[in-house]
N, C-alpha and C. Protein backbone atom coordinates (compact mmCIF):
# COMPACT_ATOMS: atom_id res chain seq x y z
N GLN A 1 0.82 -1.21 0.00
CA GLN A 1 0.00 0.00 0.00
C GLN A 1 0.86 1.27 0.00
N LEU A 2 2.01 1.23 0.70
CA LEU A 2 2.92 2.36 0.71
C LEU A 2 4.27 1.89 0.18
N VAL A 3 4.84 2.67 -0.70
CA VAL A 3 6.14 2.32 -1.27
C VAL A 3 7.04 3.54 -1.19
N GLU A 4 8.16 3.39 -0.49
CA GLU A 4 9.15 4.46 -0.44
C GLU A 4 10.17 4.29 -1.55
N SER A 5 10.74 5.38 -1.97
CA SER A 5 11.82 5.36 -2.93
C SER A 5 12.67 6.60 -2.72
N GLY A 6 13.84 6.60 -3.37
CA GLY A 6 14.70 7.76 -3.31
C GLY A 6 15.93 7.60 -2.43
N GLY A 7 16.01 6.51 -1.69
CA GLY A 7 17.19 6.29 -0.88
C GLY A 7 18.41 6.05 -1.75
N ASP A 8 19.57 6.46 -1.22
CA ASP A 8 20.78 6.34 -2.03
C ASP A 8 21.99 6.56 -1.13
N LEU A 9 23.16 6.42 -1.72
CA LEU A 9 24.42 6.77 -1.07
C LEU A 9 24.73 8.22 -1.44
N VAL A 10 24.96 9.05 -0.44
CA VAL A 10 25.21 10.47 -0.69
C VAL A 10 26.33 10.94 0.23
N GLN A 11 27.09 11.93 -0.23
CA GLN A 11 28.18 12.47 0.59
C GLN A 11 27.63 13.40 1.67
N PRO A 12 28.36 13.55 2.77
CA PRO A 12 27.95 14.51 3.79
C PRO A 12 27.74 15.89 3.18
N GLY A 13 26.68 16.54 3.61
CA GLY A 13 26.32 17.84 3.07
C GLY A 13 25.40 17.78 1.88
N GLY A 14 25.19 16.58 1.35
CA GLY A 14 24.33 16.42 0.19
C GLY A 14 22.85 16.40 0.54
N SER A 15 22.05 16.20 -0.49
CA SER A 15 20.59 16.20 -0.34
C SER A 15 19.98 14.98 -1.00
N LEU A 16 18.86 14.58 -0.49
CA LEU A 16 18.05 13.52 -1.09
C LEU A 16 16.59 13.88 -0.90
N ARG A 17 15.76 13.38 -1.79
CA ARG A 17 14.32 13.51 -1.61
C ARG A 17 13.72 12.12 -1.64
N LEU A 18 13.12 11.73 -0.54
CA LEU A 18 12.43 10.45 -0.46
C LEU A 18 10.97 10.63 -0.85
N SER A 19 10.43 9.63 -1.48
CA SER A 19 9.02 9.64 -1.86
C SER A 19 8.28 8.51 -1.15
N CYS A 20 7.05 8.77 -0.84
CA CYS A 20 6.17 7.76 -0.25
C CYS A 20 4.91 7.77 -1.10
N ALA A 21 4.74 6.71 -1.88
CA ALA A 21 3.61 6.64 -2.80
C ALA A 21 2.62 5.59 -2.31
N ALA A 22 1.34 5.93 -2.41
CA ALA A 22 0.30 5.03 -1.91
C ALA A 22 -0.55 4.50 -3.04
N SER A 23 -1.04 3.31 -2.85
CA SER A 23 -2.03 2.74 -3.75
C SER A 23 -3.16 2.15 -2.90
N GLY A 24 -4.37 2.38 -3.33
CA GLY A 24 -5.50 1.81 -2.62
C GLY A 24 -6.04 2.67 -1.49
N ILE A 25 -5.29 3.70 -1.11
CA ILE A 25 -5.76 4.62 -0.07
C ILE A 25 -5.46 6.05 -0.53
N SER A 26 -6.15 7.00 0.07
CA SER A 26 -5.91 8.41 -0.24
C SER A 26 -5.09 9.02 0.89
N LEU A 27 -3.86 9.38 0.60
CA LEU A 27 -2.97 9.87 1.66
C LEU A 27 -3.45 11.17 2.28
N ASP A 28 -4.26 11.94 1.59
CA ASP A 28 -4.71 13.20 2.17
C ASP A 28 -5.67 12.98 3.34
N ARG A 29 -6.09 11.77 3.57
CA ARG A 29 -6.95 11.46 4.72
C ARG A 29 -6.13 11.03 5.94
N TYR A 30 -4.83 10.93 5.78
CA TYR A 30 -3.97 10.42 6.84
C TYR A 30 -2.89 11.42 7.20
N SER A 31 -2.45 11.35 8.45
CA SER A 31 -1.19 11.99 8.81
C SER A 31 -0.08 11.05 8.36
N ILE A 32 0.99 11.62 7.87
CA ILE A 32 2.09 10.82 7.33
C ILE A 32 3.31 10.99 8.22
N GLY A 33 3.75 9.89 8.77
CA GLY A 33 4.93 9.89 9.61
C GLY A 33 6.13 9.35 8.85
N TRP A 34 7.25 9.94 9.10
CA TRP A 34 8.53 9.42 8.60
C TRP A 34 9.33 8.95 9.81
N PHE A 35 9.89 7.76 9.69
CA PHE A 35 10.66 7.14 10.75
C PHE A 35 11.98 6.64 10.15
N ARG A 36 12.93 6.39 11.01
CA ARG A 36 14.18 5.81 10.54
C ARG A 36 14.72 4.85 11.58
N GLN A 37 15.48 3.89 11.09
CA GLN A 37 16.11 2.94 11.98
C GLN A 37 17.53 2.69 11.50
N ALA A 38 18.46 3.05 12.35
CA ALA A 38 19.87 2.82 12.06
C ALA A 38 20.27 1.45 12.61
N PRO A 39 21.33 0.85 12.07
CA PRO A 39 21.77 -0.47 12.55
C PRO A 39 22.02 -0.47 14.05
N GLY A 40 21.44 -1.44 14.73
CA GLY A 40 21.65 -1.57 16.16
C GLY A 40 20.88 -0.59 17.01
N LYS A 41 20.03 0.21 16.39
CA LYS A 41 19.27 1.21 17.14
C LYS A 41 17.78 1.00 16.95
N GLU A 42 17.01 1.57 17.88
CA GLU A 42 15.56 1.49 17.77
C GLU A 42 15.07 2.48 16.70
N ARG A 43 13.91 2.15 16.17
CA ARG A 43 13.31 3.05 15.19
C ARG A 43 12.90 4.34 15.90
N GLU A 44 13.13 5.47 15.23
CA GLU A 44 12.78 6.76 15.81
C GLU A 44 11.96 7.58 14.81
N ALA A 45 11.13 8.43 15.37
CA ALA A 45 10.31 9.29 14.53
C ALA A 45 11.16 10.45 14.02
N VAL A 46 10.96 10.80 12.76
CA VAL A 46 11.71 11.88 12.13
C VAL A 46 10.83 13.09 11.88
N SER A 47 9.66 12.85 11.35
CA SER A 47 8.80 13.97 10.97
C SER A 47 7.36 13.50 10.92
N CYS A 48 6.45 14.41 11.18
CA CYS A 48 5.03 14.08 11.11
C CYS A 48 4.31 15.16 10.33
N LEU A 49 3.69 14.78 9.23
CA LEU A 49 2.89 15.72 8.44
C LEU A 49 1.43 15.45 8.79
N ARG A 50 0.90 16.31 9.65
CA ARG A 50 -0.46 16.10 10.15
C ARG A 50 -1.48 16.31 9.06
N ARG A 51 -2.57 15.56 9.13
CA ARG A 51 -3.58 15.62 8.07
C ARG A 51 -4.39 16.90 8.12
N PHE A 52 -4.56 17.51 9.29
CA PHE A 52 -5.32 18.75 9.37
C PHE A 52 -4.45 19.95 9.70
N ALA A 53 -3.54 19.78 10.63
CA ALA A 53 -2.78 20.92 11.13
C ALA A 53 -1.49 21.16 10.37
N GLY A 54 -1.16 20.30 9.39
CA GLY A 54 0.07 20.50 8.65
C GLY A 54 1.26 19.90 9.37
N ARG A 55 2.39 20.42 9.11
CA ARG A 55 3.62 19.84 9.64
C ARG A 55 3.70 19.99 11.14
N ALA A 56 4.12 18.94 11.78
CA ALA A 56 4.28 18.94 13.23
C ALA A 56 5.75 19.08 13.57
N ARG A 57 6.04 19.00 14.84
CA ARG A 57 7.43 19.11 15.28
C ARG A 57 8.25 17.94 14.77
N ASP A 58 9.41 18.24 14.24
CA ASP A 58 10.30 17.21 13.76
C ASP A 58 11.29 16.83 14.85
N LEU A 59 11.94 15.70 14.65
CA LEU A 59 13.02 15.30 15.53
C LEU A 59 14.04 16.44 15.60
N ASN A 60 14.49 16.79 16.80
CA ASN A 60 15.38 17.94 16.96
C ASN A 60 16.61 17.88 16.06
N SER A 61 17.14 16.71 15.88
CA SER A 61 18.39 16.59 15.13
C SER A 61 18.20 16.82 13.63
N VAL A 62 16.95 16.83 13.16
CA VAL A 62 16.73 17.05 11.72
C VAL A 62 15.99 18.35 11.44
N GLU A 63 15.57 19.04 12.51
CA GLU A 63 14.82 20.26 12.31
C GLU A 63 15.63 21.25 11.47
N ASP A 64 14.94 21.91 10.55
CA ASP A 64 15.56 22.88 9.62
C ASP A 64 16.38 22.22 8.54
N ARG A 65 16.56 20.92 8.59
CA ARG A 65 17.25 20.22 7.50
C ARG A 65 16.30 19.35 6.69
N PHE A 66 15.30 18.79 7.36
CA PHE A 66 14.34 17.90 6.70
C PHE A 66 12.98 18.58 6.62
N THR A 67 12.30 18.39 5.51
CA THR A 67 10.96 18.95 5.33
C THR A 67 10.08 17.92 4.66
N SER A 68 8.92 17.67 5.24
CA SER A 68 7.98 16.76 4.60
C SER A 68 6.84 17.58 4.00
N ALA A 69 6.34 17.12 2.86
CA ALA A 69 5.29 17.85 2.18
C ALA A 69 4.50 16.90 1.31
N ARG A 70 3.25 17.26 1.08
CA ARG A 70 2.41 16.47 0.16
C ARG A 70 2.69 16.94 -1.26
N GLY A 71 2.70 15.97 -2.16
CA GLY A 71 2.95 16.30 -3.55
C GLY A 71 1.71 16.82 -4.24
N ASN A 72 1.88 17.33 -5.44
CA ASN A 72 0.74 17.77 -6.24
C ASN A 72 -0.17 16.60 -6.57
N ALA A 73 0.44 15.45 -6.79
CA ALA A 73 -0.34 14.23 -6.92
C ALA A 73 -0.80 13.83 -5.54
N LYS A 74 -2.07 13.58 -5.36
CA LYS A 74 -2.64 13.36 -4.03
C LYS A 74 -1.98 12.24 -3.27
N ASN A 75 -1.54 11.22 -3.93
CA ASN A 75 -1.09 10.03 -3.23
C ASN A 75 0.41 9.91 -3.11
N THR A 76 1.09 11.02 -3.03
CA THR A 76 2.53 11.00 -2.82
C THR A 76 2.92 12.04 -1.78
N VAL A 77 3.79 11.64 -0.89
CA VAL A 77 4.35 12.55 0.11
C VAL A 77 5.86 12.46 -0.01
N TYR A 78 6.52 13.60 0.22
CA TYR A 78 7.96 13.66 0.07
C TYR A 78 8.63 14.04 1.38
N LEU A 79 9.85 13.58 1.54
CA LEU A 79 10.71 14.02 2.63
C LEU A 79 11.98 14.57 1.99
N GLN A 80 12.10 15.88 2.00
CA GLN A 80 13.29 16.52 1.46
C GLN A 80 14.34 16.59 2.57
N MET A 81 15.50 16.04 2.31
CA MET A 81 16.56 15.99 3.31
C MET A 81 17.77 16.75 2.79
N ASN A 82 18.15 17.80 3.48
CA ASN A 82 19.29 18.63 3.10
C ASN A 82 20.37 18.56 4.17
N SER A 83 21.56 18.97 3.79
CA SER A 83 22.70 19.00 4.73
C SER A 83 22.85 17.69 5.47
N LEU A 84 22.84 16.61 4.73
CA LEU A 84 22.86 15.29 5.34
C LEU A 84 24.17 15.03 6.07
N LYS A 85 24.04 14.29 7.17
CA LYS A 85 25.18 13.95 8.02
C LYS A 85 25.32 12.44 8.10
N PRO A 86 26.51 11.94 8.40
CA PRO A 86 26.67 10.48 8.53
C PRO A 86 25.69 9.86 9.52
N GLU A 87 25.34 10.59 10.56
CA GLU A 87 24.41 10.05 11.56
C GLU A 87 22.97 9.96 11.05
N ASP A 88 22.72 10.49 9.86
CA ASP A 88 21.40 10.32 9.23
C ASP A 88 21.27 8.98 8.52
N THR A 89 22.36 8.23 8.45
CA THR A 89 22.34 6.92 7.80
C THR A 89 21.36 6.00 8.51
N ALA A 90 20.42 5.45 7.74
CA ALA A 90 19.39 4.59 8.32
C ALA A 90 18.48 4.10 7.20
N VAL A 91 17.62 3.17 7.54
CA VAL A 91 16.50 2.82 6.68
C VAL A 91 15.35 3.75 7.06
N TYR A 92 14.78 4.39 6.07
CA TYR A 92 13.71 5.35 6.30
C TYR A 92 12.37 4.74 5.88
N TYR A 93 11.40 4.92 6.73
CA TYR A 93 10.06 4.38 6.50
C TYR A 93 9.03 5.50 6.53
N CYS A 94 8.01 5.36 5.71
CA CYS A 94 6.85 6.22 5.87
C CYS A 94 5.69 5.37 6.39
N ALA A 95 4.77 6.04 7.06
CA ALA A 95 3.61 5.37 7.61
C ALA A 95 2.41 6.29 7.50
N ALA A 96 1.26 5.71 7.30
CA ALA A 96 0.01 6.47 7.23
C ALA A 96 -0.77 6.24 8.52
N HIS A 97 -1.12 7.34 9.17
CA HIS A 97 -1.76 7.28 10.48
C HIS A 97 -3.19 7.81 10.39
N ASN A 98 -4.14 7.02 10.86
CA ASN A 98 -5.52 7.48 10.91
C ASN A 98 -5.73 8.24 12.22
N ALA A 99 -4.93 9.26 12.41
CA ALA A 99 -4.93 10.07 13.62
C ALA A 99 -4.20 11.36 13.30
N GLU A 100 -4.31 12.34 14.16
CA GLU A 100 -3.65 13.62 13.92
C GLU A 100 -2.14 13.50 14.16
N GLU A 101 -1.76 12.76 15.18
CA GLU A 101 -0.35 12.59 15.51
C GLU A 101 0.19 11.31 14.88
N CYS A 102 1.50 11.23 14.82
CA CYS A 102 2.15 10.11 14.15
C CYS A 102 2.83 9.17 15.13
N GLU A 103 2.06 8.65 16.07
CA GLU A 103 2.60 7.63 16.97
C GLU A 103 2.69 6.31 16.21
N GLU A 104 3.73 5.53 16.51
CA GLU A 104 3.87 4.26 15.82
C GLU A 104 2.63 3.39 16.02
N SER A 105 2.05 3.48 17.19
CA SER A 105 0.89 2.63 17.51
C SER A 105 -0.33 3.00 16.69
N SER A 106 -0.35 4.20 16.11
CA SER A 106 -1.52 4.62 15.33
C SER A 106 -1.34 4.41 13.84
N ALA A 107 -0.23 3.83 13.44
CA ALA A 107 0.01 3.62 12.01
C ALA A 107 -0.90 2.54 11.45
N SER A 108 -1.59 2.88 10.37
CA SER A 108 -2.44 1.91 9.70
C SER A 108 -1.68 1.19 8.58
N TYR A 109 -0.74 1.88 7.99
CA TYR A 109 0.03 1.31 6.88
C TYR A 109 1.50 1.71 7.03
N TRP A 110 2.38 0.80 6.63
CA TRP A 110 3.83 1.05 6.64
C TRP A 110 4.39 0.73 5.26
N GLY A 111 5.38 1.51 4.89
CA GLY A 111 6.14 1.17 3.72
C GLY A 111 7.23 0.16 4.05
N GLN A 112 7.92 -0.29 3.03
CA GLN A 112 8.93 -1.33 3.21
C GLN A 112 10.29 -0.75 3.60
N GLY A 113 10.45 0.55 3.45
CA GLY A 113 11.70 1.19 3.82
C GLY A 113 12.61 1.42 2.64
N THR A 114 13.44 2.46 2.74
CA THR A 114 14.44 2.76 1.73
C THR A 114 15.73 3.16 2.44
N GLN A 115 16.85 2.66 1.94
CA GLN A 115 18.13 2.86 2.61
C GLN A 115 18.75 4.20 2.23
N VAL A 116 19.12 4.96 3.25
CA VAL A 116 19.87 6.20 3.05
C VAL A 116 21.23 6.02 3.72
N THR A 117 22.28 6.20 2.95
CA THR A 117 23.63 6.09 3.48
C THR A 117 24.37 7.39 3.20
N VAL A 118 24.89 7.99 4.26
CA VAL A 118 25.62 9.25 4.13
C VAL A 118 27.08 8.96 4.48
N SER A 119 27.91 9.03 3.48
CA SER A 119 29.31 8.67 3.69
C SER A 119 30.17 9.28 2.59
N SER A 120 31.40 9.60 2.96
CA SER A 120 32.34 10.10 1.95
C SER A 120 33.18 8.96 1.39
């Protein structure tokens, strides 16, 4: 139902744009959460694009560097990542939440994940 794409190997300071595309559901009815999981670490929330209130607070370490937004096509959401750092290396997931907030427990759908590697 959700498919992420756009992950890649990028040098520190570079940019990537991840996409989260949906089929079978309308993403504009859901809050969209972005999460990441680095090797040996727990999954953490990165950004939440609320369905009514718009963008919510992002993880402190990515604030002002990452921006999530809905695409012109209704069923795509993007995560623009700028000024990437090695510590941003992780598998990134999008999730659709039938709630205003993006708690993992409220996710109705998950994508399969896309690998982002930041390294020189």
